[in-house]
Amino acid sequence: VFIDTNFLKTLPERQLISGFAEMLKHGLIADRNYFYLLKTASPQNMDPALIRHSVQLKNKVVLQDPEEKGLRKILNFGHTIGHAVESFSLQNDQVPLSHGEAIVIGMICEAFLSTQKTGLSVEELHEIVQTFKTFYEKYPIKEASFPQLIELMKSDKKNTSGKINCSLLTQIGQCAIDCFCTEDELCNSLKFYLNC
Protein backbone atom coordinates (compact mmCIF):
# COMPACT_ATOMS: atom_id res chain seq x y z
CA VAL A 1 0.00 0.00 0.00
CA PHE A 2 1.41 3.37 -1.04
CA ILE A 3 0.39 6.43 0.94
CA ASP A 4 1.05 10.03 -0.02
CA THR A 5 -0.48 12.24 2.63
CA ASN A 6 0.01 15.32 0.41
CA PHE A 7 -3.16 14.30 -1.42
CA LEU A 8 -5.10 14.86 1.81
CA LYS A 9 -4.51 18.60 1.34
CA THR A 10 -6.76 18.47 -1.74
CA LEU A 11 -9.76 17.14 0.20
CA PRO A 12 -12.47 19.24 1.83
CA GLU A 13 -12.65 19.05 5.62
CA ARG A 14 -15.87 17.03 5.50
CA GLN A 15 -14.12 14.22 3.61
CA LEU A 16 -11.18 14.21 6.02
CA ILE A 17 -13.55 13.81 8.95
CA SER A 18 -15.45 11.13 7.03
CA GLY A 19 -12.25 9.10 6.56
CA PHE A 20 -11.35 9.64 10.20
CA ALA A 21 -14.45 7.61 11.15
CA GLU A 22 -12.85 4.49 9.67
CA MET A 23 -9.67 5.15 11.66
CA LEU A 24 -11.69 5.40 14.88
CA LYS A 25 -13.39 2.14 13.90
CA HIS A 26 -10.00 0.43 13.56
CA GLY A 27 -9.16 1.40 17.13
CA LEU A 28 -12.55 0.28 18.43
CA ILE A 29 -12.36 -3.17 16.83
CA ALA A 30 -8.66 -3.99 17.12
CA ASP A 31 -6.45 -1.61 19.13
CA ARG A 32 -7.60 0.08 22.33
CA ASN A 33 -4.45 2.23 22.69
CA TYR A 34 -4.81 3.45 19.10
CA PHE A 35 -8.40 4.53 19.80
CA TYR A 36 -7.19 6.60 22.75
CA LEU A 37 -4.48 8.21 20.61
CA LEU A 38 -7.07 9.15 17.99
CA LYS A 39 -9.32 10.83 20.56
CA THR A 40 -6.86 13.73 20.67
CA ALA A 41 -5.89 13.70 16.98
CA SER A 42 -6.81 16.33 14.42
CA PRO A 43 -8.56 14.91 11.34
CA GLN A 44 -7.62 18.07 9.44
CA ASN A 45 -3.91 17.65 10.21
CA MET A 46 -3.46 13.90 10.61
CA ASP A 47 -0.15 12.47 11.76
CA PRO A 48 1.07 10.15 8.94
CA ALA A 49 2.10 7.58 11.58
CA LEU A 50 -1.55 7.25 12.64
CA ILE A 51 -2.66 6.77 9.03
CA ARG A 52 0.04 4.13 8.58
CA HIS A 53 -1.16 2.32 11.71
CA SER A 54 -4.75 2.23 10.41
CA VAL A 55 -3.58 0.76 7.11
CA GLN A 56 -1.49 -1.83 8.98
CA LEU A 57 -4.42 -2.82 11.22
CA LYS A 58 -6.78 -3.27 8.28
CA ASN A 59 -4.16 -5.05 6.18
CA LYS A 60 -3.38 -7.49 9.00
CA VAL A 61 -7.06 -8.41 9.28
CA VAL A 62 -7.57 -8.75 5.51
CA LEU A 63 -4.44 -10.90 5.06
CA GLN A 64 -5.59 -13.28 7.81
CA ASP A 65 -9.05 -13.65 6.24
CA PRO A 66 -9.02 -12.70 2.54
CA GLU A 67 -12.43 -14.28 1.84
CA GLU A 68 -14.26 -12.67 4.79
CA LYS A 69 -15.25 -15.97 6.39
CA GLY A 70 -14.29 -15.02 9.96
CA LEU A 71 -12.00 -12.36 11.44
CA ARG A 72 -12.40 -9.91 8.55
CA LYS A 73 -16.06 -9.47 9.53
CA ILE A 74 -14.90 -7.25 12.40
CA LEU A 75 -14.35 -4.54 9.76
CA ASN A 76 -18.15 -4.47 9.40
CA PHE A 77 -18.62 -2.90 12.85
CA GLY A 78 -21.00 0.03 12.40
CA HIS A 79 -21.78 -0.90 8.82
CA THR A 80 -25.02 -2.86 9.18
CA ILE A 81 -26.90 0.13 10.56
CA GLY A 82 -24.54 2.64 8.93
CA HIS A 83 -25.18 1.38 5.39
CA ALA A 84 -28.94 1.57 5.99
CA VAL A 85 -28.63 5.16 7.24
CA GLU A 86 -26.38 6.03 4.28
CA SER A 87 -28.91 4.59 1.78
CA PHE A 88 -31.77 6.35 3.55
CA SER A 89 -29.89 9.67 3.42
CA LEU A 90 -29.09 9.21 -0.29
CA GLN A 91 -32.80 8.65 -0.99
CA ASN A 92 -34.14 11.47 1.20
CA ASP A 93 -31.61 14.26 1.79
CA GLN A 94 -30.68 17.10 -0.54
CA VAL A 95 -27.13 16.92 0.85
CA PRO A 96 -26.68 13.24 1.77
CA LEU A 97 -24.46 12.00 4.56
CA SER A 98 -20.96 10.92 3.59
CA HIS A 99 -20.06 7.27 4.09
CA GLY A 100 -18.08 8.06 7.25
CA GLU A 101 -20.84 10.20 8.74
CA ALA A 102 -23.35 7.38 8.25
CA ILE A 103 -20.95 4.79 9.68
CA VAL A 104 -20.50 6.93 12.81
CA ILE A 105 -24.26 6.66 13.40
CA GLY A 106 -23.98 2.92 12.83
CA MET A 107 -21.09 2.63 15.28
CA ILE A 108 -22.99 4.51 18.00
CA CYS A 109 -26.05 2.29 17.49
CA GLU A 110 -23.99 -0.90 17.32
CA ALA A 111 -21.97 0.13 20.40
CA PHE A 112 -25.31 0.41 22.20
CA LEU A 113 -26.25 -3.07 20.93
CA SER A 114 -22.86 -4.25 22.21
CA THR A 115 -23.86 -3.31 25.76
CA GLN A 116 -27.01 -5.41 25.33
CA LYS A 117 -25.50 -8.45 23.61
CA THR A 118 -21.72 -8.78 23.90
CA GLY A 119 -20.70 -7.24 27.21
CA LEU A 120 -19.44 -3.77 26.29
CA SER A 121 -19.58 -1.73 29.49
CA VAL A 122 -21.91 1.26 29.75
CA GLU A 123 -18.86 3.36 30.71
CA GLU A 124 -17.10 2.44 27.46
CA LEU A 125 -20.31 3.08 25.50
CA HIS A 126 -20.45 6.62 26.91
CA GLU A 127 -16.77 7.13 26.12
CA ILE A 128 -17.37 6.06 22.51
CA VAL A 129 -20.41 8.33 22.18
CA GLN A 130 -18.55 11.33 23.64
CA THR A 131 -15.64 10.76 21.25
CA PHE A 132 -17.94 10.73 18.23
CA LYS A 133 -19.84 13.79 19.49
CA THR A 134 -16.52 15.66 19.58
CA PHE A 135 -16.01 15.22 15.84
CA TYR A 136 -19.46 14.65 14.27
CA GLU A 137 -22.77 16.50 14.21
CA LYS A 138 -26.02 14.77 15.12
CA TYR A 139 -28.13 13.56 12.20
CA PRO A 140 -31.88 14.10 12.68
CA ILE A 141 -33.34 10.61 12.24
CA LYS A 142 -37.09 10.50 12.90
CA GLU A 143 -38.73 7.55 14.62
CA ALA A 144 -41.20 7.42 11.71
CA SER A 145 -38.21 6.44 9.51
CA PHE A 146 -37.32 3.34 11.56
CA PRO A 147 -39.42 0.90 9.43
CA GLN A 148 -37.68 2.10 6.25
CA LEU A 149 -34.27 1.79 7.93
CA ILE A 150 -35.08 -1.75 9.13
CA GLU A 151 -36.10 -2.73 5.58
CA LEU A 152 -32.76 -1.42 4.31
CA MET A 153 -30.95 -3.45 6.99
CA LYS A 154 -32.85 -6.58 5.93
CA SER A 155 -31.36 -6.29 2.44
CA ASP A 156 -27.76 -6.10 3.73
CA LYS A 157 -25.43 -8.63 2.09
CA LYS A 158 -23.96 -9.58 5.49
CA ASN A 159 -27.21 -11.15 6.67
CA THR A 160 -27.53 -14.91 7.14
CA SER A 161 -30.77 -16.89 6.67
CA GLY A 162 -32.82 -13.70 6.82
CA LYS A 163 -31.28 -12.63 10.14
CA ILE A 164 -29.73 -9.17 10.48
CA ASN A 165 -26.04 -9.70 11.23
CA CYS A 166 -23.81 -7.25 13.11
CA SER A 167 -20.26 -7.21 14.38
CA LEU A 168 -20.32 -5.92 17.96
CA LEU A 169 -17.74 -4.81 20.52
CA THR A 170 -16.93 -6.82 23.61
CA GLN A 171 -14.77 -3.92 24.82
CA ILE A 172 -12.87 -1.06 23.22
CA GLY A 173 -10.28 -2.81 21.04
CA GLN A 174 -12.10 -6.15 20.68
CA CYS A 175 -14.97 -7.19 18.44
CA ALA A 176 -17.27 -10.21 18.11
CA ILE A 177 -18.69 -11.36 14.77
CA ASP A 178 -21.98 -12.92 13.66
CA CYS A 179 -24.16 -11.24 16.28
CA PHE A 180 -27.74 -11.48 15.10
CA CYS A 181 -30.10 -8.68 16.09
CA THR A 182 -33.89 -8.49 16.14
CA GLU A 183 -35.87 -5.62 14.66
CA ASP A 184 -36.81 -4.48 18.17
CA GLU A 185 -33.16 -4.43 19.24
CA LEU A 186 -32.22 -2.42 16.16
CA CYS A 187 -35.05 0.06 16.77
CA ASN A 188 -33.91 0.45 20.38
CA SER A 189 -30.39 1.22 19.16
CA LEU A 190 -31.76 3.91 16.84
CA LYS A 191 -33.76 5.36 19.76
CA PHE A 192 -30.55 5.43 21.78
CA TYR A 193 -28.88 7.41 19.00
CA LEU A 194 -31.78 9.89 18.94
CA ASN A 195 -31.41 10.52 22.67
CA CYS A 196 -27.65 10.42 23.17
Foldseek 3Di string as FASTA:
>chain_A
DDDDCVVVVVDDPLVLLLVVLLLCLLQQAANVVLNVVSLPADSSDGDVVSVVVSVVSLVVQCVVPVPPPASNQSSCQLPLLLVLQQVVQVVDPPDRHDSSLSSLLSNLLQQVVCVVFQAEDPVQSVVSVVSCVVRHDQDDDDLVCLVSSVVSSQPDPPDDPSFRWHWHGNYRRHIHGGDTDDSVSSSVSNVVSNVD
